[in-house]
């Protein structure tokens, strides 16, 4: 007996394939949504963790900025204290500089040179005086340049011949009126200045000579060294 299928089997198979396709498409869409949701959750968690790190870093940066500001203020205070200390040391050193100046003038003035005035302005010293010969003035310049621990860089401003009346008589003596300058060295430290002041030859200790004032002198080398 021959059986004949009269149902539309092709249409049924087509519908079955369509159902399977749509089912697979729905599964793929659900799987894609699940993956997307998982990725979004992971990214959101990473962003949250990074935000927490950023917040922590910002707090630490603010704390470090405050510490840096404190360090900068401390450095400024230290520099101010150093400047004050240096000013005090300079004042202590400058207080003894006139003493060293007078000591050196007595020591370095050669015989036949008479100082009439000394004017100190800071480290610059202007000297005027009389000398018997030009050679005496040259010797005085050499002494202040090479033999003095406190005087340096002497220079001669002017020199001219003049006649000087000898005291107690009417005799005229030919002398050389000169003007010169010299630089007074600044002591390196108060301790070194104190040791230099206590060295031999400091017989003029305690004689004040304020900077910017002039003091008339009559320093004869023979009287100082005799």
N, C-alpha and C. Protein backbone atom coordinates (compact mmCIF):
# COMPACT_ATOMS: atom_id res chain seq x y z
N UNK A 1 0.87 -1.17 0.00
CA UNK A 1 0.00 0.00 0.00
C UNK A 1 0.91 1.22 0.00
N UNK A 2 0.57 2.13 -0.88
CA UNK A 2 1.39 3.33 -1.04
C UNK A 2 0.75 4.45 -0.22
N UNK A 3 1.62 5.09 0.73
CA UNK A 3 1.16 6.20 1.57
C UNK A 3 1.64 7.51 0.96
N UNK A 4 0.78 8.46 0.85
CA UNK A 4 1.09 9.76 0.27
C UNK A 4 0.87 10.82 1.34
N UNK A 5 1.91 11.59 1.64
CA UNK A 5 1.83 12.68 2.64
C UNK A 5 1.30 13.90 1.94
N UNK A 6 0.15 14.28 2.31
CA UNK A 6 -0.50 15.45 1.70
C UNK A 6 -0.30 16.73 2.50
N UNK A 7 0.44 16.68 3.68
CA UNK A 7 0.69 17.88 4.51
C UNK A 7 1.78 18.72 3.87
N UNK A 8 1.75 20.04 4.15
CA UNK A 8 2.78 20.95 3.58
C UNK A 8 4.07 20.84 4.39
N UNK A 9 4.83 19.75 4.18
CA UNK A 9 6.01 19.49 5.01
C UNK A 9 7.11 20.52 4.77
N UNK A 10 7.17 21.02 3.58
CA UNK A 10 8.19 22.03 3.31
C UNK A 10 7.94 23.32 4.09
N UNK A 11 6.67 23.69 4.13
CA UNK A 11 6.32 24.90 4.91
C UNK A 11 6.58 24.69 6.38
N UNK A 12 6.26 23.48 6.84
CA UNK A 12 6.50 23.19 8.27
C UNK A 12 7.99 23.22 8.57
N UNK A 13 8.82 22.67 7.68
CA UNK A 13 10.25 22.69 7.90
C UNK A 13 10.80 24.12 7.87
N UNK A 14 10.27 24.94 7.00
CA UNK A 14 10.70 26.33 6.94
C UNK A 14 10.37 27.06 8.23
N UNK A 15 9.19 26.83 8.73
CA UNK A 15 8.79 27.47 9.99
C UNK A 15 9.64 26.98 11.15
N UNK A 16 9.98 25.69 11.10
CA UNK A 16 10.83 25.14 12.16
C UNK A 16 12.21 25.80 12.12
N UNK A 17 12.75 25.96 10.91
CA UNK A 17 14.05 26.62 10.80
C UNK A 17 13.97 28.08 11.25
N UNK A 18 12.89 28.76 10.93
CA UNK A 18 12.73 30.15 11.38
C UNK A 18 12.66 30.23 12.90
N UNK A 19 11.94 29.30 13.51
CA UNK A 19 11.86 29.30 14.98
C UNK A 19 13.25 29.07 15.59
N UNK A 20 13.99 28.11 14.99
CA UNK A 20 15.34 27.85 15.51
C UNK A 20 16.24 29.07 15.33
N UNK A 21 16.11 29.76 14.20
CA UNK A 21 16.93 30.95 13.94
C UNK A 21 16.62 32.05 14.94
N UNK A 22 15.31 32.32 15.12
CA UNK A 22 14.94 33.37 16.08
C UNK A 22 15.32 33.01 17.51
N UNK A 23 15.23 31.72 17.81
CA UNK A 23 15.64 31.29 19.15
C UNK A 23 17.14 31.52 19.35
N UNK A 24 17.93 31.15 18.34
CA UNK A 24 19.38 31.39 18.43
C UNK A 24 19.70 32.88 18.48
N UNK A 25 18.93 33.66 17.69
CA UNK A 25 19.16 35.10 17.70
C UNK A 25 18.84 35.70 19.05
N UNK A 26 17.76 35.24 19.66
CA UNK A 26 17.41 35.73 21.00
C UNK A 26 18.44 35.33 22.03
N UNK A 27 18.95 34.08 21.92
CA UNK A 27 19.98 33.64 22.85
C UNK A 27 21.26 34.47 22.70
N UNK A 28 21.61 34.73 21.44
CA UNK A 28 22.81 35.54 21.21
C UNK A 28 22.63 36.96 21.74
N UNK A 29 21.43 37.52 21.57
CA UNK A 29 21.17 38.86 22.09
C UNK A 29 21.24 38.88 23.61
N UNK A 30 20.68 37.86 24.25
CA UNK A 30 20.72 37.79 25.71
C UNK A 30 22.17 37.62 26.19
N UNK A 31 22.93 36.76 25.45
CA UNK A 31 24.32 36.57 25.83
C UNK A 31 25.11 37.87 25.66
N UNK A 32 24.85 38.60 24.56
CA UNK A 32 25.54 39.88 24.36
C UNK A 32 25.19 40.89 25.44
N UNK A 33 23.90 40.95 25.82
CA UNK A 33 23.50 41.85 26.89
C UNK A 33 24.16 41.48 28.21
N UNK A 34 24.28 40.17 28.48
CA UNK A 34 24.92 39.73 29.71
C UNK A 34 26.39 40.13 29.73
N UNK A 35 27.06 39.92 28.57
CA UNK A 35 28.47 40.31 28.49
C UNK A 35 28.63 41.81 28.65
N UNK A 36 27.75 42.57 27.99
CA UNK A 36 27.81 44.02 28.09
C UNK A 36 27.56 44.50 29.51
N UNK A 37 26.58 43.88 30.17
CA UNK A 37 26.30 44.25 31.56
C UNK A 37 27.49 43.94 32.47
N UNK A 38 28.11 42.75 32.24
CA UNK A 38 29.28 42.39 33.05
C UNK A 38 30.43 43.37 32.81
N UNK A 39 30.68 43.72 31.54
CA UNK A 39 31.75 44.68 31.21
C UNK A 39 31.47 46.05 31.82
N UNK A 40 30.21 46.48 31.77
CA UNK A 40 29.85 47.78 32.36
C UNK A 40 30.08 47.75 33.87
N UNK A 41 29.74 46.63 34.49
CA UNK A 41 29.92 46.52 35.95
C UNK A 41 31.41 46.58 36.30
N UNK A 42 32.21 45.86 35.49
CA UNK A 42 33.65 45.85 35.77
C UNK A 42 34.25 47.25 35.56
N UNK A 43 33.87 47.92 34.46
CA UNK A 43 34.39 49.26 34.19
C UNK A 43 33.95 50.24 35.28
N UNK A 44 32.69 50.15 35.70
CA UNK A 44 32.20 51.03 36.76
C UNK A 44 32.97 50.82 38.06
N UNK A 45 33.29 49.53 38.36
CA UNK A 45 34.06 49.24 39.57
C UNK A 45 35.47 49.80 39.45
N UNK A 46 36.09 49.68 38.27
CA UNK A 46 37.43 50.23 38.06
C UNK A 46 37.43 51.75 38.19
N UNK A 47 36.39 52.41 37.64
CA UNK A 47 36.29 53.87 37.77
C UNK A 47 36.12 54.27 39.22
N UNK A 48 35.31 53.53 39.95
CA UNK A 48 35.11 53.83 41.37
C UNK A 48 36.42 53.69 42.15
N UNK A 49 37.16 52.59 41.85
CA UNK A 49 38.44 52.40 42.54
C UNK A 49 39.43 53.52 42.20
N UNK A 50 39.45 53.93 40.91
CA UNK A 50 40.36 55.01 40.51
C UNK A 50 39.97 56.33 41.16
N UNK A 51 38.65 56.57 41.27
CA UNK A 51 38.19 57.79 41.96
C UNK A 51 38.64 57.79 43.42
N UNK A 52 38.57 56.63 44.05
CA UNK A 52 39.03 56.55 45.43
C UNK A 52 40.54 56.82 45.52
N UNK A 53 41.28 56.26 44.56
CA UNK A 53 42.73 56.53 44.55
C UNK A 53 43.00 58.01 44.33
N UNK A 54 42.28 58.61 43.39
CA UNK A 54 42.47 60.04 43.13
C UNK A 54 42.16 60.88 44.35
N UNK A 55 41.09 60.55 45.04
CA UNK A 55 40.73 61.27 46.26
C UNK A 55 41.83 61.14 47.31
N UNK A 56 42.35 59.92 47.45
CA UNK A 56 43.44 59.70 48.42
C UNK A 56 44.68 60.49 48.03
N UNK A 57 45.02 60.45 46.72
CA UNK A 57 46.20 61.18 46.26
C UNK A 57 46.03 62.69 46.45
N UNK A 58 44.85 63.21 46.17
CA UNK A 58 44.61 64.64 46.37
C UNK A 58 44.77 65.03 47.83
N UNK A 59 44.28 64.18 48.72
CA UNK A 59 44.45 64.46 50.15
C UNK A 59 45.92 64.45 50.55
N UNK A 60 46.67 63.46 50.03
CA UNK A 60 48.09 63.39 50.35
C UNK A 60 48.84 64.57 49.75
N UNK A 61 48.45 64.98 48.53
CA UNK A 61 49.10 66.14 47.90
C UNK A 61 48.87 67.40 48.73
N UNK A 62 47.66 67.60 49.21
CA UNK A 62 47.37 68.76 50.05
C UNK A 62 48.19 68.72 51.33
N UNK A 63 48.32 67.51 51.91
CA UNK A 63 49.10 67.39 53.14
C UNK A 63 50.58 67.71 52.86
N UNK A 64 51.09 67.18 51.73
CA UNK A 64 52.49 67.46 51.38
C UNK A 64 52.70 68.93 51.05
N UNK A 65 51.70 69.57 50.40
CA UNK A 65 51.81 71.01 50.12
C UNK A 65 51.92 71.80 51.41
N UNK A 66 51.14 71.40 52.40
CA UNK A 66 51.22 72.09 53.70
C UNK A 66 52.59 71.89 54.33
N UNK A 67 53.13 70.66 54.22
CA UNK A 67 54.47 70.41 54.78
C UNK A 67 55.53 71.20 54.02
N UNK A 68 55.38 71.27 52.68
CA UNK A 68 56.34 72.04 51.88
C UNK A 68 56.30 73.51 52.27
N UNK A 69 55.09 74.02 52.49
CA UNK A 69 54.97 75.42 52.91
C UNK A 69 55.64 75.63 54.27
N UNK A 70 55.48 74.66 55.17
CA UNK A 70 56.14 74.77 56.48
C UNK A 70 57.66 74.74 56.32
N UNK A 71 58.14 73.87 55.41
CA UNK A 71 59.59 73.79 55.18
C UNK A 71 60.11 75.10 54.58
N UNK A 72 59.33 75.67 53.63
CA UNK A 72 59.75 76.94 53.03
C UNK A 72 59.80 78.05 54.09
N UNK A 73 58.79 78.09 54.96
CA UNK A 73 58.81 79.09 56.03
C UNK A 73 59.99 78.87 56.97
N UNK A 74 60.28 77.59 57.24
CA UNK A 74 61.41 77.29 58.12
C UNK A 74 62.73 77.71 57.47
N UNK A 75 62.86 77.46 56.15
CA UNK A 75 64.07 77.89 55.45
C UNK A 75 64.21 79.41 55.48
N UNK A 76 63.07 80.11 55.28
CA UNK A 76 63.13 81.57 55.33
C UNK A 76 63.56 82.05 56.72
N UNK A 77 63.05 81.41 57.76
CA UNK A 77 63.45 81.79 59.12
C UNK A 77 64.94 81.50 59.35
N UNK A 78 65.40 80.36 58.81
CA UNK A 78 66.82 80.02 58.98
C UNK A 78 67.70 81.05 58.26
N UNK A 79 67.30 81.43 57.03
CA UNK A 79 68.08 82.44 56.30
C UNK A 79 68.07 83.78 57.04
N UNK A 80 66.91 84.13 57.62
CA UNK A 80 66.85 85.39 58.37
C UNK A 80 67.76 85.33 59.60
N UNK A 81 67.77 84.17 60.28
CA UNK A 81 68.65 84.02 61.44
C UNK A 81 70.12 84.07 61.03
N UNK A 82 70.44 83.45 59.87
CA UNK A 82 71.83 83.51 59.38
C UNK A 82 72.23 84.95 59.06
N UNK A 83 71.30 85.69 58.44
CA UNK A 83 71.60 87.09 58.11
C UNK A 83 71.82 87.90 59.39
N UNK A 84 70.99 87.66 60.41
CA UNK A 84 71.18 88.37 61.68
C UNK A 84 72.51 87.99 62.32
N UNK A 85 72.83 86.68 62.28
CA UNK A 85 74.10 86.25 62.86
C UNK A 85 75.28 86.89 62.15
N UNK A 86 75.20 86.94 60.80
CA UNK A 86 76.29 87.56 60.04
C UNK A 86 76.40 89.05 60.36
N UNK A 87 75.24 89.71 60.50
CA UNK A 87 75.28 91.14 60.84
C UNK A 87 75.93 91.36 62.20
N UNK A 88 75.58 90.49 63.16
CA UNK A 88 76.20 90.63 64.49
C UNK A 88 77.70 90.36 64.42
N UNK A 89 78.09 89.33 63.66
CA UNK A 89 79.52 89.04 63.53
C UNK A 89 80.26 90.18 62.85
N UNK A 90 79.63 90.76 61.82
CA UNK A 90 80.27 91.89 61.14
C UNK A 90 80.42 93.09 62.09
N UNK A 91 79.38 93.32 62.90
CA UNK A 91 79.49 94.43 63.86
C UNK A 91 80.60 94.18 64.87
N UNK A 92 80.68 92.93 65.35
CA UNK A 92 81.75 92.62 66.31
C UNK A 92 83.12 92.77 65.68
N UNK A 93 83.24 92.35 64.39
CA UNK A 93 84.53 92.47 63.72
C UNK A 93 84.86 93.93 63.43
N UNK A 94 83.85 94.70 62.97
CA UNK A 94 84.10 96.10 62.65
C UNK A 94 84.44 96.93 63.89
N UNK A 95 83.98 96.48 65.04
CA UNK A 95 84.26 97.23 66.26
C UNK A 95 85.75 97.30 66.55
N UNK A 96 86.49 96.25 66.16
CA UNK A 96 87.93 96.21 66.44
C UNK A 96 88.78 96.70 65.27
N UNK A 97 88.16 96.98 64.11
CA UNK A 97 88.94 97.40 62.96
C UNK A 97 89.71 98.69 63.18
N UNK A 98 89.16 99.73 63.84
CA UNK A 98 89.97 100.93 64.09
C UNK A 98 91.22 100.65 64.93
N UNK A 99 91.10 99.69 65.85
CA UNK A 99 92.26 99.34 66.67
C UNK A 99 93.36 98.75 65.80
N UNK A 100 92.95 97.82 64.90
CA UNK A 100 93.94 97.23 64.00
C UNK A 100 94.55 98.29 63.08
N UNK A 101 93.72 99.24 62.66
CA UNK A 101 94.21 100.30 61.78
C UNK A 101 95.29 101.13 62.46
N UNK A 102 95.02 101.57 63.66
CA UNK A 102 96.01 102.39 64.37
C UNK A 102 97.28 101.60 64.66
N UNK A 103 97.13 100.31 65.04
CA UNK A 103 98.31 99.49 65.28
C UNK A 103 99.17 99.37 64.03
N UNK A 104 98.52 99.14 62.89
CA UNK A 104 99.27 98.96 61.66
C UNK A 104 99.92 100.27 61.19
N UNK A 105 99.22 101.39 61.39
CA UNK A 105 99.82 102.67 61.00
C UNK A 105 101.08 102.95 61.81
N UNK A 106 101.04 102.65 63.10
CA UNK A 106 102.23 102.84 63.93
C UNK A 106 103.36 101.91 63.50
N UNK A 107 102.98 100.68 63.16
CA UNK A 107 103.99 99.68 62.81
C UNK A 107 104.59 99.91 61.43
N UNK A 108 103.74 100.26 60.45
CA UNK A 108 104.17 100.32 59.05
C UNK A 108 104.68 101.68 58.62
N UNK A 109 104.49 102.72 59.43
CA UNK A 109 104.97 104.04 59.03
C UNK A 109 106.49 104.12 59.18
N UNK A 110 107.22 104.36 58.11
CA UNK A 110 108.68 104.39 58.20
C UNK A 110 109.17 105.68 58.85
N UNK A 111 110.43 105.70 59.19
CA UNK A 111 111.04 106.89 59.78
C UNK A 111 111.08 108.01 58.75
N UNK A 112 110.74 109.19 59.19
CA UNK A 112 110.71 110.34 58.30
C UNK A 112 109.37 110.59 57.66
N UNK A 113 108.34 109.84 58.06
CA UNK A 113 106.98 110.06 57.57
C UNK A 113 106.12 110.46 58.75
N UNK A 114 105.35 111.54 58.58
CA UNK A 114 104.50 112.08 59.65
C UNK A 114 103.06 112.14 59.13
N UNK A 115 102.18 111.44 59.80
CA UNK A 115 100.78 111.42 59.39
C UNK A 115 100.04 112.57 60.06
N UNK A 116 99.31 113.33 59.26
CA UNK A 116 98.57 114.47 59.80
C UNK A 116 97.08 114.18 59.99
N UNK A 117 96.52 113.25 59.20
CA UNK A 117 95.10 112.90 59.39
C UNK A 117 94.83 111.53 58.80
N UNK A 118 93.87 110.86 59.41
CA UNK A 118 93.40 109.54 58.95
C UNK A 118 91.89 109.57 58.97
N UNK A 119 91.28 109.21 57.85
CA UNK A 119 89.82 109.22 57.74
C UNK A 119 89.37 107.85 57.25
N UNK A 120 88.56 107.17 58.09
CA UNK A 120 88.07 105.83 57.75
C UNK A 120 86.61 105.91 57.35
N UNK A 121 86.30 105.28 56.22
CA UNK A 121 84.91 105.16 55.76
C UNK A 121 84.69 103.71 55.35
N UNK A 122 84.17 102.92 56.28
CA UNK A 122 84.02 101.49 56.02
C UNK A 122 85.38 100.83 56.00
N UNK A 123 85.71 100.20 54.88
CA UNK A 123 87.01 99.56 54.74
C UNK A 123 88.02 100.44 54.00
N UNK A 124 87.60 101.60 53.56
CA UNK A 124 88.51 102.52 52.86
C UNK A 124 89.06 103.55 53.85
N UNK A 125 90.36 103.75 53.78
CA UNK A 125 91.04 104.66 54.70
C UNK A 125 91.81 105.69 53.87
N UNK A 126 91.54 106.96 54.14
CA UNK A 126 92.25 108.06 53.48
C UNK A 126 93.29 108.62 54.46
N UNK A 127 94.51 108.76 53.99
CA UNK A 127 95.62 109.19 54.84
C UNK A 127 96.31 110.39 54.19
N UNK A 128 96.59 111.39 54.98
CA UNK A 128 97.41 112.52 54.53
C UNK A 128 98.56 112.69 55.50
N UNK A 129 99.66 113.21 54.99
CA UNK A 129 100.82 113.39 55.86
C UNK A 129 101.95 114.10 55.16
N UNK A 130 103.08 114.17 55.86
CA UNK A 130 104.30 114.80 55.35
C UNK A 130 105.42 113.78 55.41
N UNK A 131 106.31 113.87 54.43
CA UNK A 131 107.46 112.97 54.38
C UNK A 131 108.71 113.76 54.02
N UNK A 132 109.83 113.29 54.52
CA UNK A 132 111.08 113.97 54.24
C UNK A 132 111.51 113.79 52.79
N UNK A 133 111.25 112.60 52.22
CA UNK A 133 111.64 112.33 50.83
C UNK A 133 110.55 111.50 50.16
N UNK A 134 110.62 111.46 48.84
CA UNK A 134 109.71 110.61 48.09
C UNK A 134 109.93 109.13 48.39
N UNK A 135 111.20 108.77 48.67
CA UNK A 135 111.51 107.38 48.96
C UNK A 135 110.79 106.90 50.22
N UNK A 136 110.62 107.81 51.20
CA UNK A 136 109.89 107.44 52.42
C UNK A 136 108.43 107.12 52.10
N UNK A 137 107.85 107.88 51.20
CA UNK A 137 106.46 107.61 50.82
C UNK A 137 106.36 106.27 50.09
N UNK A 138 107.33 106.00 49.21
CA UNK A 138 107.34 104.72 48.49
C UNK A 138 107.48 103.56 49.48
N UNK A 139 108.34 103.75 50.47
CA UNK A 139 108.51 102.69 51.47
C UNK A 139 107.22 102.47 52.25
N UNK A 140 106.54 103.56 52.58
CA UNK A 140 105.27 103.45 53.30
C UNK A 140 104.25 102.67 52.46
N UNK A 141 104.19 102.95 51.16
CA UNK A 141 103.27 102.22 50.28
C UNK A 141 103.64 100.74 50.22
N UNK A 142 104.92 100.44 50.13
CA UNK A 142 105.35 99.04 50.08
C UNK A 142 105.02 98.31 51.38
N UNK A 143 105.22 98.99 52.50
CA UNK A 143 104.93 98.36 53.79
C UNK A 143 103.45 98.00 53.91
N UNK A 144 102.60 98.93 53.54
CA UNK A 144 101.16 98.65 53.64
C UNK A 144 100.70 97.60 52.65
N UNK A 145 101.41 97.45 51.52
CA UNK A 145 101.01 96.47 50.51
C UNK A 145 101.53 95.08 50.82
N UNK A 146 102.76 94.97 51.39
CA UNK A 146 103.40 93.67 51.50
C UNK A 146 103.61 93.18 52.93
N UNK A 147 103.72 94.09 53.89
CA UNK A 147 104.11 93.68 55.24
C UNK A 147 102.98 93.72 56.25
N UNK A 148 101.82 94.18 55.87
CA UNK A 148 100.74 94.37 56.84
C UNK A 148 99.69 93.26 56.71
N UNK A 149 99.29 92.64 57.83
CA UNK A 149 98.22 91.64 57.77
C UNK A 149 96.83 92.25 57.69
N UNK A 150 96.72 93.57 57.92
CA UNK A 150 95.41 94.19 57.94
C UNK A 150 95.22 95.24 56.86
N UNK A 151 96.27 95.68 56.19
CA UNK A 151 96.17 96.70 55.17
C UNK A 151 96.54 96.10 53.81
N UNK A 152 95.87 96.58 52.76
CA UNK A 152 96.15 96.09 51.42
C UNK A 152 95.74 97.15 50.39
N UNK A 153 96.18 96.95 49.16
CA UNK A 153 95.81 97.76 48.00
C UNK A 153 96.01 99.26 48.25
N UNK A 154 97.20 99.69 48.62
CA UNK A 154 97.41 101.13 48.80
C UNK A 154 97.50 101.85 47.45
N UNK A 155 97.11 103.10 47.44
CA UNK A 155 97.25 103.92 46.23
C UNK A 155 97.61 105.35 46.65
N UNK A 156 98.37 105.99 45.80
CA UNK A 156 98.83 107.36 46.06
C UNK A 156 97.96 108.33 45.28
N UNK A 157 97.31 109.24 46.00
CA UNK A 157 96.42 110.20 45.35
C UNK A 157 97.17 111.43 44.84
N UNK A 158 98.02 111.98 45.69
CA UNK A 158 98.75 113.19 45.29
C UNK A 158 100.00 113.32 46.13
N UNK A 159 100.96 114.06 45.58
CA UNK A 159 102.19 114.36 46.29
C UNK A 159 102.73 115.68 45.74
N UNK A 160 103.16 116.54 46.65
CA UNK A 160 103.70 117.83 46.22
C UNK A 160 104.72 118.31 47.26
N UNK A 161 105.68 119.05 46.79
CA UNK A 161 106.70 119.60 47.67
C UNK A 161 106.16 120.83 48.37
N UNK A 162 106.54 121.01 49.63
CA UNK A 162 106.09 122.16 50.41
C UNK A 162 107.16 122.51 51.44
N UNK A 163 107.12 123.73 51.93
CA UNK A 163 108.04 124.19 52.97
C UNK A 163 107.31 124.22 54.30
N UNK A 164 107.92 123.61 55.30
CA UNK A 164 107.32 123.51 56.62
C UNK A 164 108.22 124.22 57.62
N UNK A 165 107.60 125.03 58.48
CA UNK A 165 108.35 125.75 59.52
C UNK A 165 108.62 124.80 60.68
N UNK A 166 109.87 124.72 61.08
CA UNK A 166 110.25 123.87 62.20
C UNK A 166 109.74 124.50 63.48
N UNK A 167 109.13 123.66 64.32
CA UNK A 167 108.55 124.17 65.57
C UNK A 167 109.63 124.79 66.45
N UNK A 168 109.34 125.98 66.99
CA UNK A 168 110.25 126.67 67.89
C UNK A 168 111.29 127.51 67.19
N UNK A 169 111.34 127.44 65.87
CA UNK A 169 112.32 128.23 65.12
C UNK A 169 111.63 128.83 63.90
N UNK A 170 112.40 129.63 63.18
CA UNK A 170 111.90 130.21 61.95
C UNK A 170 112.47 129.50 60.71
N UNK A 171 113.14 128.41 60.95
CA UNK A 171 113.74 127.69 59.84
C UNK A 171 112.66 127.02 58.99
N UNK A 172 112.90 127.00 57.70
CA UNK A 172 112.01 126.34 56.76
C UNK A 172 112.66 125.02 56.32
N UNK A 173 111.87 123.99 56.32
CA UNK A 173 112.36 122.69 55.90
C UNK A 173 111.50 122.21 54.71
N UNK A 174 112.18 121.67 53.70
CA UNK A 174 111.47 121.18 52.53
C UNK A 174 110.91 119.78 52.83
N UNK A 175 109.61 119.64 52.69
CA UNK A 175 108.93 118.37 52.93
C UNK A 175 108.04 118.04 51.73
N UNK A 176 107.49 116.84 51.74
CA UNK A 176 106.59 116.40 50.68
C UNK A 176 105.23 116.08 51.29
N UNK A 177 104.26 116.89 50.88
CA UNK A 177 102.88 116.70 51.34
C UNK A 177 102.22 115.64 50.44
N UNK A 178 101.70 114.57 51.04
CA UNK A 178 101.12 113.49 50.23
C UNK A 178 99.73 113.12 50.76
N UNK A 179 98.94 112.54 49.87
CA UNK A 179 97.63 111.97 50.21
C UNK A 179 97.54 110.60 49.57
N UNK A 180 97.10 109.64 50.32
CA UNK A 180 97.03 108.26 49.83
C UNK A 180 95.82 107.57 50.43
N UNK A 181 95.54 106.42 49.92
CA UNK A 181 94.45 105.61 50.45
C UNK A 181 94.90 104.17 50.58
N UNK A 182 94.19 103.44 51.42
CA UNK A 182 94.51 102.04 51.65
C UNK A 182 93.21 101.32 52.05
N UNK A 183 93.15 100.04 51.79
CA UNK A 183 91.98 99.23 52.13
C UNK A 183 92.27 98.45 53.40
N UNK A 184 91.34 98.53 54.33
CA UNK A 184 91.47 97.80 55.59
C UNK A 184 90.77 96.45 55.45
N UNK A 185 91.52 95.37 55.69
CA UNK A 185 90.96 94.03 55.55
C UNK A 185 89.94 93.77 56.65
N UNK A 186 88.87 93.06 56.27
CA UNK A 186 87.87 92.67 57.26
C UNK A 186 88.32 91.39 57.93
N UNK A 187 88.23 91.29 59.25
CA UNK A 187 88.63 90.06 59.94
C UNK A 187 87.77 88.89 59.47
N UNK A 188 88.35 87.70 59.27
CA UNK A 188 87.57 86.56 58.79
C UNK A 188 86.54 86.07 59.78
N UNK A 189 86.79 86.20 61.06
CA UNK A 189 85.86 85.71 62.07
C UNK A 189 86.16 86.44 63.36
N UNK A 190 85.14 86.54 64.27
CA UNK A 190 85.39 87.22 65.54
C UNK A 190 86.51 86.56 66.33
N UNK A 191 86.62 85.21 66.29
CA UNK A 191 87.68 84.53 67.03
C UNK A 191 89.05 84.90 66.52
N UNK A 192 89.16 84.95 65.16
CA UNK A 192 90.45 85.32 64.58
C UNK A 192 90.80 86.76 64.88
N UNK A 193 89.77 87.65 64.87
CA UNK A 193 90.03 89.04 65.18
C UNK A 193 90.49 89.21 66.62
N UNK A 194 89.88 88.43 67.54
CA UNK A 194 90.27 88.54 68.94
C UNK A 194 91.70 88.06 69.14
N UNK A 195 92.07 86.97 68.44
CA UNK A 195 93.43 86.48 68.59
C UNK A 195 94.44 87.46 68.00
N UNK A 196 94.05 88.12 66.88
CA UNK A 196 94.95 89.11 66.29
C UNK A 196 95.11 90.32 67.18
N UNK A 197 94.02 90.71 67.88
CA UNK A 197 94.09 91.87 68.76
C UNK A 197 94.96 91.60 69.97
N UNK A 198 95.02 90.31 70.40
CA UNK A 198 95.83 89.97 71.57
C UNK A 198 97.27 89.65 71.20
N UNK A 199 97.63 89.73 69.90
CA UNK A 199 98.99 89.42 69.47
C UNK A 199 99.93 90.55 69.88
N UNK A 200 101.25 90.29 69.92
CA UNK A 200 102.22 91.35 70.28
C UNK A 200 102.14 92.50 69.30
N UNK A 201 102.32 93.69 69.80
CA UNK A 201 102.23 94.88 68.96
C UNK A 201 100.90 95.56 69.08
N UNK A 202 99.95 95.01 69.85
CA UNK A 202 98.64 95.62 70.01
C UNK A 202 98.63 96.64 71.10
N UNK A 203 99.58 97.57 71.10
CA UNK A 203 99.69 98.55 72.17
C UNK A 203 98.64 99.61 72.09
N UNK A 204 97.98 99.78 70.93
CA UNK A 204 96.98 100.83 70.80
C UNK A 204 95.60 100.31 71.08
N UNK A 205 95.50 99.14 71.73
CA UNK A 205 94.20 98.54 72.01
C UNK A 205 93.36 99.48 72.87
N UNK A 206 92.08 99.55 72.50
CA UNK A 206 91.16 100.38 73.26
C UNK A 206 91.04 101.77 72.74
N UNK A 207 91.74 102.15 71.66
CA UNK A 207 91.64 103.50 71.10
C UNK A 207 90.54 103.50 70.06
N UNK A 208 89.41 104.19 70.27
CA UNK A 208 88.31 104.15 69.31
C UNK A 208 88.55 105.09 68.14
N UNK A 209 88.06 104.66 66.96
CA UNK A 209 88.06 105.53 65.79
C UNK A 209 86.83 105.18 64.98
N UNK A 210 85.79 105.93 65.13
CA UNK A 210 84.52 105.60 64.48
C UNK A 210 84.65 105.78 62.99
N UNK A 211 83.96 104.87 62.22
CA UNK A 211 84.00 104.96 60.77
C UNK A 211 83.35 106.25 60.29
N UNK A 212 83.96 106.88 59.32
CA UNK A 212 83.42 108.12 58.78
C UNK A 212 83.87 109.35 59.52
N UNK A 213 84.74 109.20 60.55
CA UNK A 213 85.24 110.36 61.28
C UNK A 213 86.74 110.45 61.05
N UNK A 214 87.28 111.63 61.18
CA UNK A 214 88.70 111.84 60.97
C UNK A 214 89.38 112.11 62.30
N UNK A 215 90.63 111.63 62.40
CA UNK A 215 91.40 111.85 63.62
C UNK A 215 92.75 112.37 63.22
N UNK A 216 93.16 113.54 63.70
CA UNK A 216 94.49 114.07 63.37
C UNK A 216 95.55 113.27 64.08
N UNK A 217 96.60 112.94 63.37
CA UNK A 217 97.69 112.17 63.92
C UNK A 217 99.02 112.87 63.61
N UNK A 218 99.98 112.61 64.42
CA UNK A 218 101.35 113.04 64.13
C UNK A 218 102.24 111.87 64.49
N UNK A 219 102.32 110.86 63.60
CA UNK A 219 103.02 109.64 63.87
C UNK A 219 104.40 109.74 63.25
N UNK A 220 105.42 109.83 64.05
CA UNK A 220 106.80 109.85 63.56
C UNK A 220 107.38 108.47 63.77
N UNK A 221 107.97 107.94 62.73
CA UNK A 221 108.48 106.57 62.82
C UNK A 221 109.56 106.45 63.86
N UNK A 222 110.42 107.45 63.97
CA UNK A 222 111.50 107.36 64.95
C UNK A 222 110.96 107.29 66.38
N UNK A 223 109.87 108.06 66.66
CA UNK A 223 109.31 108.03 68.01
C UNK A 223 108.62 106.72 68.26
N UNK A 224 107.98 106.15 67.23
CA UNK A 224 107.25 104.91 67.43
C UNK A 224 108.17 103.74 67.61
N UNK A 225 109.28 103.75 66.88
CA UNK A 225 110.14 102.60 66.90
C UNK A 225 111.33 102.77 67.86
N UNK A 226 111.57 103.99 68.29
CA UNK A 226 112.70 104.20 69.18
C UNK A 226 112.39 103.76 70.57
